[in-house]
Amino acid sequence: MLWALTTARAVLGHRTAGWVRTMASHSLLVAPPAALSKPLFIPSRLLLGPGPSNLTPRVMAAGGLQVLGHMHQEVYQIMDEIKQGIQYVFQTRNPLSLAISGSGHCALEAALFNLLEPGDSFLVGVSGIWGQRAQDIAERIGARVYPMVKAPGGHFTLQEVEEALARHKPALLFLAHGESSTGVLQPLDGYGELCHRHQCLLLVDSVASLGGAPVYMDQQGIDVLYSGSQKVLNAPPGTSLISFSNKAKTDWLDLPAVLGTLRVFSSTTFGKHQSLCEGPCIQEEQQQQRIDISEGALADWACGAGLQWADCLELGVWPPSPGPVRQTAVWRQRG
């Protein structure tokens, strides 16, 4: 726009400049920020928290590539490849597997708003902040929420879940696989089968665990699984991954609500009409999936387990509860 005005002024002279002054009928009250006139400076940091995590050079380079329009054929191909990568890392054949332009919290909202209606019975495992967050959202939806509460560091056993399912007869059960606020890794084997026996869907949060601990969505009977890009997966924040089982899609999914409230990246699932998505983010996500696949899921899990014990030895501490209920890793550097 500025180039066009400058060119027009050079060609048409003072007459065009007068038109520009007429369009700008008010003076500017807000001056240009002085801070934005300085060069951008980003310090180097080693990120060792639950997330975000440091990006590999390959992923950062992908984010610097040419931005394409969301209707370009190459973007459709990238989105389809991301869907295949989600199916791999989730270990699922669900057709409804997609990426959402939002954080893992956005995927949690997508799941709950499309699985619950006012009055539905919702059983939620609360052993940290993510169970509490799921409880808060469900209460705002108007569901009848029944929290199973554990002190920080605890997890939910099959017997405890079965008793709660029989008592409350919920339509949906929420469990956080990796509770980043406490470091607990919730076991998943047997919980899907238990839920289905009680005509209940299983929703699992794997934001802080995916890539650092095994998840087998189909084999473990998980109906809805979601995760985030910025933790163990080593991709930039702002993209979340989610997958719905055929049972969840057929019996419960309110598809227009997903499309109406969220931007989705899955051309094979939803046809060729796409809403605007963040080009650099999906390019970086695709590049990270290439790294994941080249290294292999088993190598990721083994590296995560090794990091936990190596970190503990270096710090001179020992995990308070070694075994299957401790998260092996919430970050790792790869590529």
Protein backbone atom coordinates (compact mmCIF):
# COMPACT_ATOMS: atom_id res chain seq x y z
CA MET A 1 0.00 0.00 0.00
CA LEU A 2 2.78 2.41 0.91
CA TRP A 3 4.64 1.55 -2.30
CA ALA A 4 1.51 2.20 -4.35
CA LEU A 5 0.95 5.61 -2.73
CA THR A 6 4.58 6.57 -3.25
CA THR A 7 4.47 5.56 -6.90
CA ALA A 8 1.19 7.40 -7.45
CA ARG A 9 2.59 10.53 -5.88
CA ALA A 10 5.63 10.41 -8.14
CA VAL A 11 3.43 10.00 -11.23
CA LEU A 12 0.50 12.28 -10.41
CA GLY A 13 2.30 14.81 -8.26
CA HIS A 14 0.65 17.11 -5.77
CA ARG A 15 -2.90 16.17 -6.79
CA THR A 16 -2.47 12.60 -5.42
CA ALA A 17 -0.76 13.90 -2.28
CA GLY A 18 -3.81 16.06 -1.66
CA TRP A 19 -6.07 13.05 -1.94
CA VAL A 20 -3.95 11.23 0.66
CA ARG A 21 -4.14 14.19 3.07
CA THR A 22 -7.92 14.29 2.60
CA MET A 23 -8.26 10.58 3.44
CA ALA A 24 -6.24 11.08 6.62
CA SER A 25 -8.78 13.40 8.18
CA HIS A 26 -7.50 13.01 11.76
CA SER A 27 -4.07 13.47 13.24
CA LEU A 28 -2.40 10.53 14.97
CA LEU A 29 -2.87 10.53 18.74
CA VAL A 30 -0.60 7.54 19.38
CA ALA A 31 3.05 7.94 18.42
CA PRO A 32 5.05 5.03 16.97
CA PRO A 33 6.42 2.93 19.89
CA ALA A 34 10.09 3.69 20.45
CA ALA A 35 10.74 0.08 21.44
CA LEU A 36 9.66 -1.15 18.01
CA SER A 37 12.28 1.00 16.30
CA LYS A 38 15.04 -1.06 17.94
CA PRO A 39 16.39 -4.36 16.55
CA LEU A 40 14.73 -7.51 17.84
CA PHE A 41 16.80 -9.32 20.47
CA ILE A 42 15.99 -12.86 21.61
CA PRO A 43 18.35 -14.29 24.27
CA SER A 44 19.53 -17.87 24.12
CA ARG A 45 17.81 -20.02 26.74
CA LEU A 46 17.95 -23.71 27.59
CA LEU A 47 14.31 -24.57 28.29
CA LEU A 48 13.98 -27.31 30.89
CA GLY A 49 10.39 -26.84 32.05
CA PRO A 50 7.31 -28.78 30.93
CA GLY A 51 7.10 -26.56 27.83
CA PRO A 52 7.80 -24.88 25.57
CA SER A 53 10.94 -26.72 24.57
CA ASN A 54 13.93 -25.72 22.47
CA LEU A 55 13.42 -26.15 18.73
CA THR A 56 15.80 -28.00 16.48
CA PRO A 57 17.50 -26.08 13.64
CA ARG A 58 15.47 -28.04 11.08
CA VAL A 59 12.20 -26.97 12.68
CA MET A 60 13.25 -23.32 12.97
CA ALA A 61 14.33 -23.33 9.33
CA ALA A 62 10.93 -24.68 8.29
CA GLY A 63 9.27 -21.72 10.02
CA GLY A 64 11.33 -19.32 7.92
CA LEU A 65 10.18 -20.72 4.58
CA GLN A 66 7.81 -18.92 2.23
CA VAL A 67 4.29 -18.51 3.67
CA LEU A 68 1.68 -20.10 1.40
CA GLY A 69 -2.01 -19.35 1.18
CA HIS A 70 -4.37 -21.70 2.98
CA MET A 71 -6.00 -22.67 -0.34
CA HIS A 72 -2.77 -23.68 -2.06
CA GLN A 73 -2.47 -27.32 -3.06
CA GLU A 74 0.86 -27.62 -1.26
CA VAL A 75 -0.82 -26.62 2.02
CA TYR A 76 -3.45 -29.33 1.53
CA GLN A 77 -0.63 -31.84 1.11
CA ILE A 78 1.13 -30.61 4.26
CA MET A 79 -2.11 -30.89 6.25
CA ASP A 80 -2.75 -34.41 4.99
CA GLU A 81 0.80 -35.42 5.92
CA ILE A 82 0.36 -33.90 9.39
CA LYS A 83 -2.79 -35.99 9.82
CA GLN A 84 -0.80 -39.12 8.97
CA GLY A 85 1.86 -38.05 11.47
CA ILE A 86 -0.80 -37.64 14.17
CA GLN A 87 -2.11 -41.13 13.46
CA TYR A 88 1.44 -42.46 13.84
CA VAL A 89 2.35 -40.70 17.08
CA PHE A 90 -1.10 -41.49 18.58
CA GLN A 91 -0.96 -45.06 17.19
CA THR A 92 -4.48 -44.82 15.78
CA ARG A 93 -6.28 -45.39 12.49
CA ASN A 94 -9.00 -42.87 13.31
CA PRO A 95 -9.97 -40.89 10.17
CA LEU A 96 -10.95 -37.92 12.36
CA SER A 97 -7.40 -37.01 13.41
CA LEU A 98 -6.43 -33.39 12.98
CA ALA A 99 -4.41 -30.42 14.15
CA ILE A 100 -6.03 -27.33 15.65
CA SER A 101 -4.57 -23.83 15.55
CA GLY A 102 -4.45 -23.38 19.30
CA SER A 103 -2.68 -24.70 22.38
CA GLY A 104 -3.40 -27.99 24.11
CA HIS A 105 -5.96 -26.12 26.19
CA CYS A 106 -7.76 -25.34 22.93
CA ALA A 107 -7.95 -29.07 22.16
CA LEU A 108 -9.35 -29.72 25.65
CA GLU A 109 -12.09 -27.18 24.98
CA ALA A 110 -12.76 -28.69 21.54
CA ALA A 111 -13.20 -32.12 23.09
CA LEU A 112 -15.43 -31.08 25.97
CA PHE A 113 -17.64 -28.67 24.01
CA ASN A 114 -18.27 -31.32 21.36
CA LEU A 115 -18.73 -34.28 23.69
CA LEU A 116 -20.79 -32.77 26.52
CA GLU A 117 -24.18 -31.09 26.62
CA PRO A 118 -25.95 -29.48 29.57
CA GLY A 119 -27.13 -32.18 31.95
CA ASP A 120 -24.67 -34.85 30.80
CA SER A 121 -22.88 -36.81 33.51
CA PHE A 122 -19.11 -36.18 33.44
CA LEU A 123 -16.58 -38.05 35.56
CA VAL A 124 -13.23 -36.26 35.84
CA GLY A 125 -10.02 -37.39 37.49
CA VAL A 126 -8.59 -34.44 39.42
CA SER A 127 -5.01 -35.00 40.54
CA GLY A 128 -3.61 -31.63 39.45
CA ILE A 129 -4.44 -28.45 37.57
CA TRP A 130 -5.50 -30.10 34.30
CA GLY A 131 -8.20 -32.18 35.90
CA GLN A 132 -9.35 -29.02 37.68
CA ARG A 133 -9.41 -27.17 34.35
CA ALA A 134 -11.52 -29.89 32.73
CA GLN A 135 -13.88 -29.73 35.70
CA ASP A 136 -14.22 -25.94 35.38
CA ILE A 137 -14.99 -26.08 31.66
CA ALA A 138 -17.55 -28.86 32.06
CA GLU A 139 -19.32 -26.96 34.84
CA ARG A 140 -19.60 -23.91 32.58
CA ILE A 141 -21.07 -26.13 29.86
CA GLY A 142 -23.72 -27.19 32.36
CA ALA A 143 -22.75 -30.83 32.72
CA ARG A 144 -23.27 -32.73 35.95
CA VAL A 145 -19.65 -33.01 37.05
CA TYR A 146 -18.42 -35.70 39.43
CA PRO A 147 -14.74 -35.15 40.36
CA MET A 148 -12.55 -37.99 41.59
CA VAL A 149 -9.96 -36.14 43.68
CA LYS A 150 -6.46 -37.34 44.48
CA ALA A 151 -3.75 -35.53 46.42
CA PRO A 152 -0.85 -34.31 44.27
CA GLY A 153 1.32 -37.29 43.37
CA GLY A 154 -1.54 -39.77 43.26
CA HIS A 155 -3.14 -41.58 40.33
CA PHE A 156 -6.43 -43.39 39.75
CA THR A 157 -6.61 -47.18 39.92
CA LEU A 158 -8.89 -49.36 37.84
CA GLN A 159 -10.90 -50.29 40.92
CA GLU A 160 -11.46 -46.64 41.88
CA VAL A 161 -12.55 -45.75 38.36
CA GLU A 162 -14.87 -48.75 38.09
CA GLU A 163 -16.60 -47.86 41.35
CA ALA A 164 -17.09 -44.27 40.18
CA LEU A 165 -18.41 -45.40 36.78
CA ALA A 166 -20.94 -47.68 38.42
CA ARG A 167 -22.01 -44.96 40.86
CA HIS A 168 -22.35 -41.96 38.51
CA LYS A 169 -22.97 -43.62 35.10
CA PRO A 170 -21.13 -40.86 33.20
CA ALA A 171 -21.17 -40.25 29.46
CA LEU A 172 -17.51 -39.24 29.55
CA LEU A 173 -14.43 -39.86 31.72
CA PHE A 174 -11.43 -37.50 31.69
CA LEU A 175 -7.92 -38.59 32.69
CA ALA A 176 -4.66 -36.65 32.35
CA HIS A 177 -2.01 -39.09 31.15
CA GLY A 178 0.79 -36.67 31.98
CA GLU A 179 -0.15 -34.30 34.82
CA SER A 180 2.56 -31.68 34.42
CA SER A 181 1.70 -29.92 37.69
CA THR A 182 2.64 -33.02 39.73
CA GLY A 183 4.81 -35.16 37.43
CA VAL A 184 2.43 -38.12 37.62
CA LEU A 185 2.03 -40.48 34.66
CA GLN A 186 -1.46 -41.97 34.84
CA PRO A 187 -1.59 -45.63 33.67
CA LEU A 188 -3.95 -46.14 30.72
CA ASP A 189 -4.10 -49.91 30.11
CA GLY A 190 -7.57 -51.28 30.85
CA TYR A 191 -9.33 -47.95 31.37
CA GLY A 192 -10.80 -47.78 27.87
CA GLU A 193 -12.22 -51.28 28.12
CA LEU A 194 -13.63 -50.42 31.53
CA CYS A 195 -15.33 -47.28 30.21
CA HIS A 196 -16.87 -49.07 27.24
CA ARG A 197 -18.25 -51.74 29.54
CA HIS A 198 -20.16 -48.93 31.27
CA GLN A 199 -21.20 -47.18 28.01
CA CYS A 200 -18.81 -44.29 28.70
CA LEU A 201 -16.29 -42.54 26.44
CA LEU A 202 -12.67 -42.05 27.54
CA LEU A 203 -11.00 -38.66 27.02
CA VAL A 204 -7.23 -38.48 27.68
CA ASP A 205 -4.92 -35.47 27.99
CA SER A 206 -1.42 -36.33 26.75
CA VAL A 207 -0.07 -32.79 26.33
CA ALA A 208 2.89 -33.29 28.67
CA SER A 209 3.47 -36.98 27.97
CA LEU A 210 3.16 -37.61 24.23
CA GLY A 211 6.59 -38.48 22.85
CA GLY A 212 8.05 -39.15 26.29
CA ALA A 213 5.86 -42.09 27.29
CA PRO A 214 4.04 -44.78 25.29
CA VAL A 215 0.47 -44.07 24.15
CA TYR A 216 -1.51 -46.59 22.08
CA MET A 217 -4.83 -44.91 21.37
CA ASP A 218 -6.57 -47.75 19.54
CA GLN A 219 -5.13 -50.60 21.60
CA GLN A 220 -5.90 -48.82 24.88
CA GLY A 221 -9.47 -48.02 23.85
CA ILE A 222 -9.11 -44.22 24.09
CA ASP A 223 -12.04 -42.47 22.40
CA VAL A 224 -10.61 -38.93 22.31
CA LEU A 225 -6.91 -38.14 22.69
CA TYR A 226 -5.28 -34.75 22.44
CA SER A 227 -1.82 -33.29 22.89
CA GLY A 228 0.21 -30.13 22.36
CA SER A 229 3.08 -29.35 20.03
CA GLN A 230 5.45 -27.49 22.36
CA LYS A 231 6.46 -30.03 24.97
CA VAL A 232 8.19 -33.36 24.34
CA LEU A 233 7.42 -33.10 20.61
CA ASN A 234 9.76 -30.08 20.29
CA ALA A 235 7.53 -28.07 17.95
CA PRO A 236 6.52 -24.40 18.42
CA PRO A 237 3.56 -23.55 20.67
CA GLY A 238 0.25 -22.81 19.03
CA THR A 239 -0.75 -26.14 17.48
CA SER A 240 -2.59 -28.98 19.19
CA LEU A 241 -3.26 -32.51 17.99
CA ILE A 242 -6.55 -34.34 18.53
CA SER A 243 -8.17 -37.56 17.39
CA PHE A 244 -11.73 -38.89 17.78
CA SER A 245 -12.62 -42.58 17.64
CA ASN A 246 -15.36 -43.69 15.29
CA LYS A 247 -17.60 -44.23 18.32
CA ALA A 248 -17.00 -40.70 19.57
CA LYS A 249 -17.54 -39.30 16.08
CA THR A 250 -20.72 -41.27 15.39
CA ASP A 251 -22.43 -41.10 18.77
CA TRP A 252 -21.35 -37.79 20.22
CA LEU A 253 -19.40 -35.44 17.94
CA ASP A 254 -21.14 -32.16 17.10
CA LEU A 255 -19.09 -31.49 13.97
CA PRO A 256 -20.46 -28.00 13.14
CA ALA A 257 -19.31 -26.77 16.56
CA VAL A 258 -15.72 -27.83 15.84
CA LEU A 259 -15.74 -26.18 12.44
CA GLY A 260 -17.50 -23.09 13.74
CA THR A 261 -15.23 -22.42 16.70
CA LEU A 262 -11.84 -23.79 15.66
CA ARG A 263 -9.60 -23.70 12.63
CA VAL A 264 -8.84 -27.23 11.48
CA PHE A 265 -6.07 -28.67 9.33
CA SER A 266 -7.36 -31.84 7.66
CA SER A 267 -8.34 -31.65 4.01
CA THR A 268 -9.07 -35.35 3.62
CA THR A 269 -11.51 -35.30 6.55
CA PHE A 270 -13.37 -32.08 5.91
CA GLY A 271 -13.08 -31.58 2.14
CA LYS A 272 -11.26 -28.82 0.31
CA HIS A 273 -12.76 -25.78 2.03
CA GLN A 274 -10.31 -24.60 4.66
CA SER A 275 -10.31 -21.73 7.09
CA LEU A 276 -7.16 -19.66 7.49
CA CYS A 277 -4.36 -21.47 9.30
CA GLU A 278 -0.88 -20.47 10.42
CA GLY A 279 1.39 -21.46 7.52
CA PRO A 280 4.70 -21.33 9.42
CA CYS A 281 3.25 -23.33 12.33
CA ILE A 282 2.06 -26.20 10.17
CA GLN A 283 5.36 -26.20 8.26
CA GLU A 284 7.25 -26.47 11.54
CA GLU A 285 4.87 -29.13 12.85
CA GLN A 286 5.33 -31.20 9.69
CA GLN A 287 9.12 -30.90 9.93
CA GLN A 288 9.08 -32.05 13.55
CA GLN A 289 6.93 -35.04 12.60
CA ARG A 290 9.57 -35.96 10.02
CA ILE A 291 12.15 -35.99 12.82
CA ASP A 292 9.85 -38.07 15.05
CA ILE A 293 9.33 -40.65 12.34
CA SER A 294 13.01 -40.81 11.39
CA GLU A 295 13.98 -41.47 15.02
CA GLY A 296 11.04 -43.75 15.81
CA ALA A 297 8.58 -43.74 18.70
CA LEU A 298 10.40 -46.43 20.66
CA ALA A 299 13.62 -44.41 20.54
CA ASP A 300 11.72 -41.37 21.83
CA TRP A 301 10.34 -43.28 24.82
CA ALA A 302 13.71 -44.84 25.65
CA CYS A 303 15.39 -41.43 25.46
CA GLY A 304 12.76 -39.95 27.75
CA ALA A 305 13.25 -42.67 30.34
CA GLY A 306 17.01 -42.25 30.16
CA LEU A 307 16.71 -38.49 30.65
CA GLN A 308 14.73 -38.94 33.86
CA TRP A 309 17.29 -41.16 35.54
CA ALA A 310 20.28 -39.18 34.22
CA ASP A 311 18.79 -35.92 35.49
CA CYS A 312 18.08 -37.44 38.90
CA LEU A 313 21.62 -38.75 39.25
CA GLU A 314 23.13 -35.42 38.21
CA LEU A 315 20.97 -33.51 40.70
CA GLY A 316 21.61 -36.03 43.47
CA VAL A 317 17.91 -36.78 43.96
CA TRP A 318 15.72 -39.80 43.38
CA PRO A 319 12.16 -39.86 42.03
CA PRO A 320 9.73 -40.05 44.97
CA SER A 321 7.76 -42.83 43.34
CA PRO A 322 9.79 -44.77 40.75
CA GLY A 323 7.74 -46.95 38.42
CA PRO A 324 4.88 -46.56 35.97
CA VAL A 325 3.21 -43.58 37.71
CA ARG A 326 6.06 -41.09 37.26
CA GLN A 327 6.45 -39.07 34.07
CA THR A 328 9.64 -40.09 32.32
CA ALA A 329 10.22 -36.73 30.63
CA VAL A 330 8.45 -33.49 29.89
CA TRP A 331 11.08 -32.29 27.44
CA ARG A 332 13.88 -33.57 25.25
CA GLN A 333 16.21 -32.08 22.65
CA ARG A 334 16.21 -33.85 19.31
CA GLY A 335 17.18 -33.48 15.67
